[in-house]
Amino acid sequence: MITHSLHVLPHGVTLSCRSAGKPGRPALMFLHGFPEAAFVWDDLLAHFSQTENGGYHCIAPNLRGYEKSSAPTAVEAYRVKHLMQDIVALAAELTDHPLAALIAHDWGGAVAWNLAAARPELMRKLVIINSPHPATFLRSLQNSPAQQAASAYMNFLTRADAPALLAANDYQRLWELFTRMGAVEGPKAWLTDDLRQQYRRVWDAGLAGPCHYYSASPLRPPRQGPLHEAPAVASITLPPELVTTQLPTQVIWGTGDTALLPELLEGLEAFVPRLQLLRVGSATHWIIHEQARLVANTIDQFLRQP
């Protein structure tokens, strides 16, 4: 059974959470992306809280800016260091032990990659689903015209009027993300009427916070022209020791993702020595919806490994 709770953290941020399983059991934490929310993990919360699948205590917070979680108005409040602070504080409140695994998709993955490198003692394993490692993403944003073009939507989301434009015509632009971020366009069978209603409830709560994630991040493609016209991304360097994780890491990647190209997986093992990589050719950025059973089985096998 999925339960709902609000957690007021020591630094004043409130995170709304969905959870399943018995507190005190080994914990799994799930971090969602854009334009999603914690509910996208419900099937996995139910799956991994069952005794035969480990009997984990499963927690999925709505990240700041989403649904009933705190939604600061300042763009700076959505820097990754603040998002990391939220997750560190939430984990400390929920368990006295390292997480059995941190599992994350999209923007949640950006938080998870950074946490795994900076605070590896907080978790035993890491699972990343279609979320680029910061080092390979930076490389492609600086050098790959293909990834620069694929990421151009990020600059739209930094516009002051982006929340209003996204909400227009019953969220038309957001529904289009589910078709345009996949190699095969058209209706998605998984996007049922009930699921649409869940998404609408999240988006009705506000879109300014979710858009601020993009404004707060320097990892964005050049707006136009040569790279020297985008000094933020052009001048960034990431020392390998700050972005390398020694944790056992499972990466699941739908290679039909047209926003995050497969080239982002090239050279990943240099920053993730204990990497297990599963490429799924029949899935896109929305693999959690498209291939839910495959995702669950892959994580299950990974968690069972010593």
Protein backbone atom coordinates (compact mmCIF):
# COMPACT_ATOMS: atom_id res chain seq x y z
CA MET A 1 0.00 0.00 0.00
CA ILE A 2 1.29 3.45 -0.94
CA THR A 3 1.21 5.98 1.88
CA HIS A 4 1.70 9.75 1.78
CA SER A 5 3.61 11.93 4.23
CA LEU A 6 5.12 15.38 4.66
CA HIS A 7 8.65 15.73 6.03
CA VAL A 8 9.84 19.09 7.37
CA LEU A 9 13.62 19.00 7.12
CA PRO A 10 16.02 20.76 9.52
CA HIS A 11 16.87 23.46 6.94
CA GLY A 12 13.19 24.39 6.58
CA VAL A 13 12.29 22.62 3.32
CA THR A 14 9.25 20.34 3.27
CA LEU A 15 9.20 17.30 1.00
CA SER A 16 6.04 15.38 0.29
CA CYS A 17 6.74 11.67 -0.05
CA ARG A 18 5.15 8.47 -1.23
CA SER A 19 6.28 5.30 0.48
CA ALA A 20 5.64 1.61 0.87
CA GLY A 21 7.06 -1.12 3.06
CA LYS A 22 8.01 -1.36 6.69
CA PRO A 23 10.15 1.40 8.21
CA GLY A 24 13.34 -0.04 9.64
CA ARG A 25 13.86 -2.36 6.69
CA PRO A 26 16.72 -1.61 4.23
CA ALA A 27 15.70 1.52 2.38
CA LEU A 28 15.42 2.34 -1.31
CA MET A 29 14.96 5.96 -2.35
CA PHE A 30 13.58 6.94 -5.77
CA LEU A 31 14.16 10.38 -7.35
CA HIS A 32 11.95 11.52 -10.24
CA GLY A 33 12.64 13.87 -13.14
CA PHE A 34 10.90 16.53 -15.24
CA PRO A 35 7.97 16.92 -15.80
CA GLU A 36 7.12 14.00 -13.54
CA ALA A 37 6.64 13.54 -9.80
CA ALA A 38 6.98 10.87 -7.13
CA PHE A 39 3.90 8.97 -8.34
CA VAL A 40 5.79 7.62 -11.38
CA TRP A 41 7.55 5.21 -9.01
CA ASP A 42 4.38 3.72 -7.48
CA ASP A 43 4.70 0.36 -9.25
CA LEU A 44 8.31 0.00 -8.12
CA LEU A 45 7.45 1.06 -4.56
CA ALA A 46 4.83 -1.69 -4.44
CA HIS A 47 7.14 -4.22 -6.10
CA PHE A 48 10.17 -3.76 -3.85
CA SER A 49 8.20 -3.44 -0.62
CA GLN A 50 6.95 -7.02 -1.05
CA THR A 51 8.82 -9.60 1.01
CA GLU A 52 9.69 -11.78 -1.98
CA ASN A 53 11.39 -8.78 -3.63
CA GLY A 54 13.45 -7.80 -0.62
CA GLY A 55 10.83 -6.28 1.63
CA TYR A 56 12.48 -2.87 1.37
CA HIS A 57 11.23 0.36 2.87
CA CYS A 58 10.68 2.36 -0.33
CA ILE A 59 10.52 6.17 -0.36
CA ALA A 60 9.87 8.49 -3.31
CA PRO A 61 9.99 12.20 -2.49
CA ASN A 62 8.53 14.92 -4.64
CA LEU A 63 11.60 17.06 -5.25
CA ARG A 64 11.41 20.71 -4.23
CA GLY A 65 9.15 22.65 -6.57
CA TYR A 66 6.85 19.70 -7.20
CA GLU A 67 3.35 18.94 -5.94
CA LYS A 68 3.12 19.55 -2.15
CA SER A 69 6.86 19.95 -1.55
CA SER A 70 8.35 23.37 -0.85
CA ALA A 71 8.58 25.54 -3.96
CA PRO A 72 10.99 28.44 -3.41
CA THR A 73 10.58 31.34 -5.81
CA ALA A 74 14.30 32.08 -6.23
CA VAL A 75 16.04 30.35 -9.12
CA GLU A 76 19.20 29.90 -7.06
CA ALA A 77 17.26 27.67 -4.64
CA TYR A 78 17.22 24.97 -7.33
CA ARG A 79 20.97 24.58 -7.62
CA VAL A 80 22.07 20.96 -7.34
CA LYS A 81 23.79 21.60 -4.00
CA HIS A 82 20.43 22.53 -2.47
CA LEU A 83 18.67 19.54 -4.04
CA MET A 84 21.40 17.32 -2.60
CA GLN A 85 20.90 18.88 0.84
CA ASP A 86 17.22 17.93 0.70
CA ILE A 87 17.94 14.28 -0.05
CA VAL A 88 20.72 13.97 2.53
CA ALA A 89 18.41 15.39 5.22
CA LEU A 90 15.48 13.20 4.18
CA ALA A 91 17.61 10.04 4.21
CA ALA A 92 18.92 10.91 7.68
CA GLU A 93 15.36 11.32 8.93
CA LEU A 94 14.15 8.02 7.49
CA THR A 95 16.98 5.61 8.24
CA ASP A 96 20.02 5.22 10.47
CA HIS A 97 21.81 3.15 7.82
CA PRO A 98 23.04 3.79 4.29
CA LEU A 99 20.36 3.45 1.64
CA ALA A 100 20.39 0.01 0.04
CA ALA A 101 20.23 1.95 -3.22
CA LEU A 102 19.46 5.37 -4.62
CA ILE A 103 17.41 4.99 -7.82
CA ALA A 104 16.89 7.99 -10.08
CA HIS A 105 15.69 9.19 -13.48
CA ASP A 106 16.29 12.39 -15.47
CA TRP A 107 16.73 15.38 -13.08
CA GLY A 108 16.62 13.01 -10.14
CA GLY A 109 19.64 11.36 -11.73
CA ALA A 110 21.52 14.66 -11.81
CA VAL A 111 21.09 14.82 -8.03
CA ALA A 112 21.98 11.15 -7.61
CA TRP A 113 25.17 11.29 -9.70
CA ASN A 114 26.43 14.20 -7.61
CA LEU A 115 25.46 12.57 -4.32
CA ALA A 116 27.15 9.31 -5.24
CA ALA A 117 30.39 11.15 -5.96
CA ALA A 118 30.30 13.56 -3.01
CA ARG A 119 28.62 11.43 -0.31
CA PRO A 120 29.09 7.75 -1.21
CA GLU A 121 28.65 6.73 2.43
CA LEU A 122 24.93 7.54 2.12
CA MET A 123 24.19 4.57 -0.15
CA ARG A 124 25.42 1.09 -0.95
CA LYS A 125 24.41 1.06 -4.63
CA LEU A 126 23.31 3.49 -7.34
CA VAL A 127 20.78 2.98 -10.15
CA ILE A 128 20.51 5.58 -12.92
CA ILE A 129 17.81 5.57 -15.60
CA ASN A 130 18.27 7.83 -18.65
CA SER A 131 20.13 10.56 -16.84
CA PRO A 132 23.53 11.66 -18.13
CA HIS A 133 26.64 11.66 -16.00
CA PRO A 134 27.74 15.30 -15.52
CA ALA A 135 31.16 14.71 -17.11
CA THR A 136 29.87 13.09 -20.31
CA PHE A 137 26.99 15.58 -20.53
CA LEU A 138 29.40 18.52 -20.24
CA ARG A 139 31.65 16.98 -22.89
CA SER A 140 28.75 16.65 -25.33
CA LEU A 141 27.32 20.10 -24.60
CA GLN A 142 30.72 21.59 -25.35
CA ASN A 143 31.67 19.50 -28.38
CA SER A 144 28.70 17.70 -29.94
CA PRO A 145 26.39 19.63 -32.30
CA ALA A 146 23.97 16.69 -32.18
CA GLN A 147 23.57 16.80 -28.39
CA GLN A 148 23.50 20.59 -28.41
CA ALA A 149 20.54 20.44 -30.79
CA ALA A 150 18.87 17.66 -28.81
CA SER A 151 19.15 19.75 -25.62
CA ALA A 152 17.92 23.02 -27.15
CA TYR A 153 14.57 22.62 -25.36
CA MET A 154 16.39 23.37 -22.10
CA ASN A 155 16.82 26.99 -23.13
CA PHE A 156 13.08 27.31 -23.78
CA LEU A 157 12.42 26.13 -20.23
CA THR A 158 14.53 28.98 -18.82
CA ARG A 159 12.20 31.63 -20.28
CA ALA A 160 10.16 33.64 -17.80
CA ASP A 161 6.99 32.76 -19.69
CA ALA A 162 7.79 29.03 -19.95
CA PRO A 163 5.40 27.96 -17.14
CA ALA A 164 2.49 29.78 -18.78
CA LEU A 165 3.33 28.42 -22.22
CA LEU A 166 3.61 24.89 -20.87
CA ALA A 167 0.21 25.18 -19.19
CA ALA A 168 -1.56 26.55 -22.28
CA ASN A 169 -4.11 24.43 -24.15
CA ASP A 170 -4.33 21.75 -21.46
CA TYR A 171 -0.56 21.42 -21.20
CA GLN A 172 -0.15 20.73 -24.91
CA ARG A 173 3.62 21.24 -24.91
CA LEU A 174 4.08 18.89 -21.98
CA TRP A 175 2.05 16.12 -23.60
CA GLU A 176 4.22 16.56 -26.68
CA LEU A 177 7.32 15.83 -24.61
CA PHE A 178 6.13 12.25 -24.29
CA THR A 179 6.19 11.83 -28.07
CA ARG A 180 9.09 14.11 -29.05
CA MET A 181 11.61 12.64 -26.61
CA GLY A 182 11.34 9.24 -28.24
CA ALA A 183 12.52 7.88 -31.56
CA VAL A 184 8.99 6.81 -32.48
CA GLU A 185 6.44 9.62 -32.43
CA GLY A 186 2.72 9.16 -31.96
CA PRO A 187 0.29 8.11 -29.22
CA LYS A 188 1.75 6.25 -26.26
CA ALA A 189 -0.30 3.27 -25.10
CA TRP A 190 0.97 3.67 -21.54
CA LEU A 191 -0.33 7.24 -21.31
CA THR A 192 -3.81 6.26 -20.10
CA ASP A 193 -6.55 8.66 -19.05
CA ASP A 194 -5.86 7.88 -15.39
CA LEU A 195 -2.16 8.59 -15.83
CA ARG A 196 -2.94 11.85 -17.63
CA GLN A 197 -5.03 12.90 -14.66
CA GLN A 198 -2.16 12.17 -12.30
CA TYR A 199 0.12 14.33 -14.41
CA ARG A 200 -2.45 17.13 -14.56
CA ARG A 201 -2.72 17.20 -10.76
CA VAL A 202 1.05 17.60 -10.50
CA TRP A 203 1.21 20.32 -13.14
CA ASP A 204 -1.80 22.14 -11.67
CA ALA A 205 0.27 22.61 -8.51
CA GLY A 206 2.65 24.85 -10.47
CA LEU A 207 5.38 24.69 -13.09
CA ALA A 208 7.65 27.57 -12.05
CA GLY A 209 9.69 25.40 -9.68
CA PRO A 210 10.25 22.59 -12.21
CA CYS A 211 11.36 25.15 -14.82
CA HIS A 212 13.76 26.76 -12.33
CA TYR A 213 15.85 23.55 -12.41
CA TYR A 214 16.92 24.50 -15.93
CA SER A 215 17.53 28.16 -15.14
CA ALA A 216 19.68 27.22 -12.13
CA SER A 217 21.89 24.81 -14.05
CA PRO A 218 24.91 25.97 -16.06
CA LEU A 219 24.80 22.70 -18.04
CA ARG A 220 22.78 24.00 -20.97
CA PRO A 221 23.59 24.13 -24.68
CA PRO A 222 24.63 27.31 -26.50
CA ARG A 223 21.61 29.37 -27.48
CA GLN A 224 22.97 30.05 -30.93
CA GLY A 225 26.20 30.54 -32.83
CA PRO A 226 29.65 29.23 -31.87
CA LEU A 227 30.47 27.95 -28.45
CA HIS A 228 32.20 31.18 -27.35
CA GLU A 229 28.74 32.80 -27.28
CA ALA A 230 27.79 30.48 -24.41
CA PRO A 231 30.50 31.29 -21.84
CA ALA A 232 28.78 29.43 -19.00
CA VAL A 233 29.03 25.95 -20.46
CA ALA A 234 32.22 26.73 -22.40
CA SER A 235 34.15 27.67 -19.28
CA ILE A 236 33.07 24.80 -17.02
CA THR A 237 35.54 22.11 -16.03
CA LEU A 238 34.80 19.11 -13.85
CA PRO A 239 37.85 17.57 -12.15
CA PRO A 240 37.50 13.78 -12.45
CA GLU A 241 37.96 13.25 -8.72
CA LEU A 242 34.82 15.32 -8.04
CA VAL A 243 32.54 13.38 -10.38
CA THR A 244 33.84 9.81 -10.07
CA THR A 245 31.91 7.25 -8.03
CA GLN A 246 33.29 3.94 -6.82
CA LEU A 247 29.86 2.61 -5.91
CA PRO A 248 28.38 -0.39 -7.74
CA THR A 249 26.24 1.35 -10.35
CA GLN A 250 23.54 0.04 -12.68
CA VAL A 251 22.69 2.30 -15.61
CA ILE A 252 19.52 1.52 -17.58
CA TRP A 253 19.23 3.48 -20.82
CA GLY A 254 16.45 3.58 -23.39
CA THR A 255 18.49 4.27 -26.51
CA GLY A 256 15.49 5.70 -28.36
CA ASP A 257 15.82 8.81 -26.18
CA THR A 258 16.11 11.73 -28.63
CA ALA A 259 16.81 14.35 -25.94
CA LEU A 260 19.68 12.47 -24.28
CA LEU A 261 21.62 10.72 -27.01
CA PRO A 262 23.43 7.38 -26.64
CA GLU A 263 26.75 9.19 -27.10
CA LEU A 264 26.38 10.25 -23.45
CA LEU A 265 27.23 6.67 -22.48
CA GLU A 266 30.61 6.79 -24.26
CA GLY A 267 33.50 6.85 -21.79
CA LEU A 268 31.19 6.47 -18.79
CA GLU A 269 33.30 3.69 -17.29
CA ALA A 270 36.12 6.20 -16.70
CA PHE A 271 33.96 7.88 -14.07
CA VAL A 272 32.06 4.78 -12.92
CA PRO A 273 34.57 1.91 -12.62
CA ARG A 274 31.99 -0.50 -11.14
CA LEU A 275 29.49 0.09 -13.93
CA GLN A 276 26.82 -2.27 -15.21
CA LEU A 277 25.13 -0.86 -18.30
CA LEU A 278 21.92 -2.06 -19.93
CA ARG A 279 21.00 -0.47 -23.26
CA VAL A 280 17.35 -0.97 -24.19
CA GLY A 281 16.75 -0.38 -27.88
CA SER A 282 12.97 -0.70 -27.59
CA ALA A 283 12.61 2.17 -25.10
CA THR A 284 12.91 5.95 -24.95
CA HIS A 285 13.41 8.55 -22.24
CA TRP A 286 10.14 7.32 -20.70
CA ILE A 287 11.40 3.77 -20.14
CA ILE A 288 9.95 3.69 -16.60
CA HIS A 289 6.49 3.75 -18.18
CA GLU A 290 7.30 1.82 -21.35
CA GLN A 291 9.28 -1.06 -19.87
CA ALA A 292 8.21 -1.12 -16.23
CA ARG A 293 8.72 -4.86 -15.80
CA LEU A 294 12.17 -4.81 -17.41
CA VAL A 295 13.22 -1.91 -15.18
CA ALA A 296 11.95 -3.71 -12.05
CA ASN A 297 13.64 -7.01 -12.97
CA THR A 298 16.95 -5.34 -13.80
CA ILE A 299 17.02 -3.44 -10.51
CA ASP A 300 15.98 -6.58 -8.63
CA GLN A 301 18.88 -8.57 -10.08
CA PHE A 302 21.29 -5.76 -9.33
CA LEU A 303 20.16 -5.46 -5.71
CA ARG A 304 20.58 -9.19 -5.19
CA GLN A 305 24.21 -9.11 -6.24
CA PRO A 306 26.74 -9.14 -3.37
